[in-house]
Amino acid sequence: MDWQRIPITDLIPQRPPFVMVDRVLSCDNTDAVTEFVVREDNIFLDDMRLSPAGIIENMAQSCAARMGCISRLGSQPVKIGFIGDIRDCHILRQPACHETLTTHIEVIEEVFNLTLASVETRVADEIIASARMKIALTDE
């Protein structure tokens, strides 16, 4: 499936101005890659740089986008997810406006409505953040 052609708001429950992913580049049962351009009107800007909270929100929404893709493949509605846990979170630098974040999701384990994922965010080839995230999905 060509995920880049699907509007991101069809894959995640968030709505502007709280959308922190522009598009899904690839997705399957175990991996996903998203892209996001930091813009001047972003609500998470701190001195024209994306705040750590904004980076973490991008990571969480990237996980949500992957789950939205999986739901879409199964002809299911997009579910709402919640961050259940964040571990080993490292923010190495805050990206500036106009930089493009590419976030890689690797599923470590999925049990019922819980997903444990390793998440890495890059600007070009530079890793700027990484974490392990546990995401819980609602049944609705």
Protein backbone atom coordinates (compact mmCIF):
# COMPACT_ATOMS: atom_id res chain seq x y z
CA MET A 1 0.00 0.00 0.00
CA ASP A 2 1.19 3.52 -0.77
CA TRP A 3 0.98 4.99 2.74
CA GLN A 4 2.29 8.39 1.63
CA ARG A 5 -0.92 9.07 -0.31
CA ILE A 6 -3.16 8.54 2.73
CA PRO A 7 -3.84 11.68 4.80
CA ILE A 8 -2.19 11.26 8.18
CA THR A 9 -5.43 12.23 9.96
CA ASP A 10 -6.96 9.05 8.49
CA LEU A 11 -4.35 7.04 10.45
CA ILE A 12 -4.11 8.86 13.80
CA PRO A 13 -6.77 10.25 16.15
CA GLN A 14 -4.98 13.60 16.71
CA ARG A 15 -6.15 16.72 14.90
CA PRO A 16 -4.42 20.04 14.13
CA PRO A 17 -2.71 21.80 15.74
CA PHE A 18 -1.66 18.66 17.63
CA VAL A 19 -0.57 16.56 14.61
CA MET A 20 3.13 15.71 14.90
CA VAL A 21 3.50 13.38 11.89
CA ASP A 22 3.14 14.44 8.24
CA ARG A 23 3.14 11.05 6.54
CA VAL A 24 3.93 7.38 6.81
CA LEU A 25 6.77 6.34 4.51
CA SER A 26 6.49 2.60 5.17
CA CYS A 27 4.67 0.22 7.46
CA ASP A 28 4.27 -3.48 8.12
CA ASN A 29 3.53 -5.71 11.12
CA THR A 30 6.89 -5.08 12.80
CA ASP A 31 8.25 -1.78 11.48
CA ALA A 32 7.18 1.67 10.39
CA VAL A 33 8.85 4.88 9.25
CA THR A 34 7.24 8.33 9.46
CA GLU A 35 8.28 11.81 8.45
CA PHE A 36 7.60 15.21 10.02
CA VAL A 37 8.80 18.71 9.12
CA VAL A 38 9.18 21.13 12.04
CA ARG A 39 7.26 24.32 11.19
CA GLU A 40 7.19 27.79 12.75
CA ASP A 41 3.60 27.40 13.96
CA ASN A 42 4.28 24.19 15.91
CA ILE A 43 2.82 24.30 19.42
CA PHE A 44 5.90 22.51 20.81
CA LEU A 45 8.48 25.09 19.70
CA ASP A 46 10.96 26.38 22.24
CA ASP A 47 13.21 29.16 20.89
CA MET A 48 12.45 28.00 17.31
CA ARG A 49 13.48 24.44 18.16
CA LEU A 50 11.22 21.46 18.76
CA SER A 51 11.00 20.87 22.51
CA PRO A 52 11.75 17.48 24.08
CA ALA A 53 8.00 17.07 24.67
CA GLY A 54 7.43 17.65 20.95
CA ILE A 55 10.01 15.04 20.03
CA ILE A 56 8.40 12.52 22.37
CA GLU A 57 4.96 13.37 20.96
CA ASN A 58 6.31 12.77 17.44
CA MET A 59 7.57 9.37 18.59
CA ALA A 60 4.22 8.48 20.18
CA GLN A 61 2.23 9.64 17.15
CA SER A 62 4.56 7.66 14.89
CA CYS A 63 3.63 4.57 16.93
CA ALA A 64 -0.03 5.57 16.57
CA ALA A 65 0.37 5.97 12.81
CA ARG A 66 1.79 2.45 12.57
CA MET A 67 -1.18 1.12 14.52
CA GLY A 68 -3.50 3.13 12.25
CA CYS A 69 -1.92 1.47 9.20
CA ILE A 70 -2.38 -1.97 10.74
CA SER A 71 -6.01 -1.13 11.56
CA ARG A 72 -6.59 0.09 8.01
CA LEU A 73 -5.12 -3.10 6.55
CA GLY A 74 -7.59 -5.07 8.69
CA SER A 75 -10.50 -2.76 7.72
CA GLN A 76 -10.81 -1.70 11.36
CA PRO A 77 -11.34 1.85 12.71
CA VAL A 78 -8.35 3.76 14.06
CA LYS A 79 -8.10 3.26 17.82
CA ILE A 80 -6.97 5.75 20.42
CA GLY A 81 -3.67 4.93 22.08
CA PHE A 82 -2.04 6.07 25.30
CA ILE A 83 1.60 6.16 26.29
CA GLY A 84 1.88 3.55 29.03
CA ASP A 85 5.61 3.84 29.63
CA ILE A 86 8.73 5.50 28.25
CA ARG A 87 12.15 4.08 29.05
CA ASP A 88 15.71 4.75 27.99
CA CYS A 89 14.65 8.06 26.46
CA HIS A 90 17.57 10.04 25.08
CA ILE A 91 17.07 13.45 23.47
CA LEU A 92 20.42 14.27 21.90
CA ARG A 93 19.40 17.57 20.34
CA GLN A 94 16.34 19.65 19.55
CA PRO A 95 15.71 20.03 15.82
CA ALA A 96 15.29 23.52 14.36
CA CYS A 97 12.43 24.79 12.24
CA HIS A 98 12.38 23.34 8.70
CA GLU A 99 14.33 20.25 9.68
CA THR A 100 12.74 16.93 8.74
CA LEU A 101 12.40 14.22 11.36
CA THR A 102 12.36 10.62 10.19
CA THR A 103 11.11 8.33 12.94
CA HIS A 104 11.68 4.58 12.84
CA ILE A 105 9.45 2.25 14.86
CA GLU A 106 10.50 -1.33 15.52
CA VAL A 107 7.99 -3.50 17.37
CA ILE A 108 9.65 -5.52 20.10
CA GLU A 109 6.52 -7.19 21.41
CA GLU A 110 2.74 -7.01 21.07
CA VAL A 111 0.42 -8.57 23.61
CA PHE A 112 -3.33 -7.94 23.40
CA ASN A 113 -3.72 -4.14 23.26
CA LEU A 114 -0.15 -3.35 24.39
CA THR A 115 2.75 -2.67 22.06
CA LEU A 116 6.37 -2.30 23.14
CA ALA A 117 8.44 -0.52 20.51
CA SER A 118 11.95 0.76 20.02
CA VAL A 119 11.77 4.24 18.52
CA GLU A 120 14.57 6.23 16.89
CA THR A 121 14.27 9.72 15.42
CA ARG A 122 16.78 11.11 12.93
CA VAL A 123 17.46 14.30 11.06
CA ALA A 124 19.17 13.12 7.87
CA ASP A 125 21.66 10.49 9.13
CA GLU A 126 21.97 11.96 12.63
CA ILE A 127 20.17 10.23 15.48
CA ILE A 128 18.60 13.00 17.58
CA ALA A 129 16.42 10.89 19.91
CA SER A 130 15.63 7.33 20.93
CA ALA A 131 13.39 5.58 23.41
CA ARG A 132 11.43 2.45 24.22
CA MET A 133 7.73 3.15 24.35
CA LYS A 134 4.83 1.07 25.59
CA ILE A 135 1.56 2.05 23.94
CA ALA A 136 -1.85 0.85 25.11
CA LEU A 137 -4.81 0.87 22.71
CA THR A 138 -8.45 1.34 23.63
CA ASP A 139 -11.01 -1.16 22.44
CA GLU A 140 -12.96 1.60 20.72
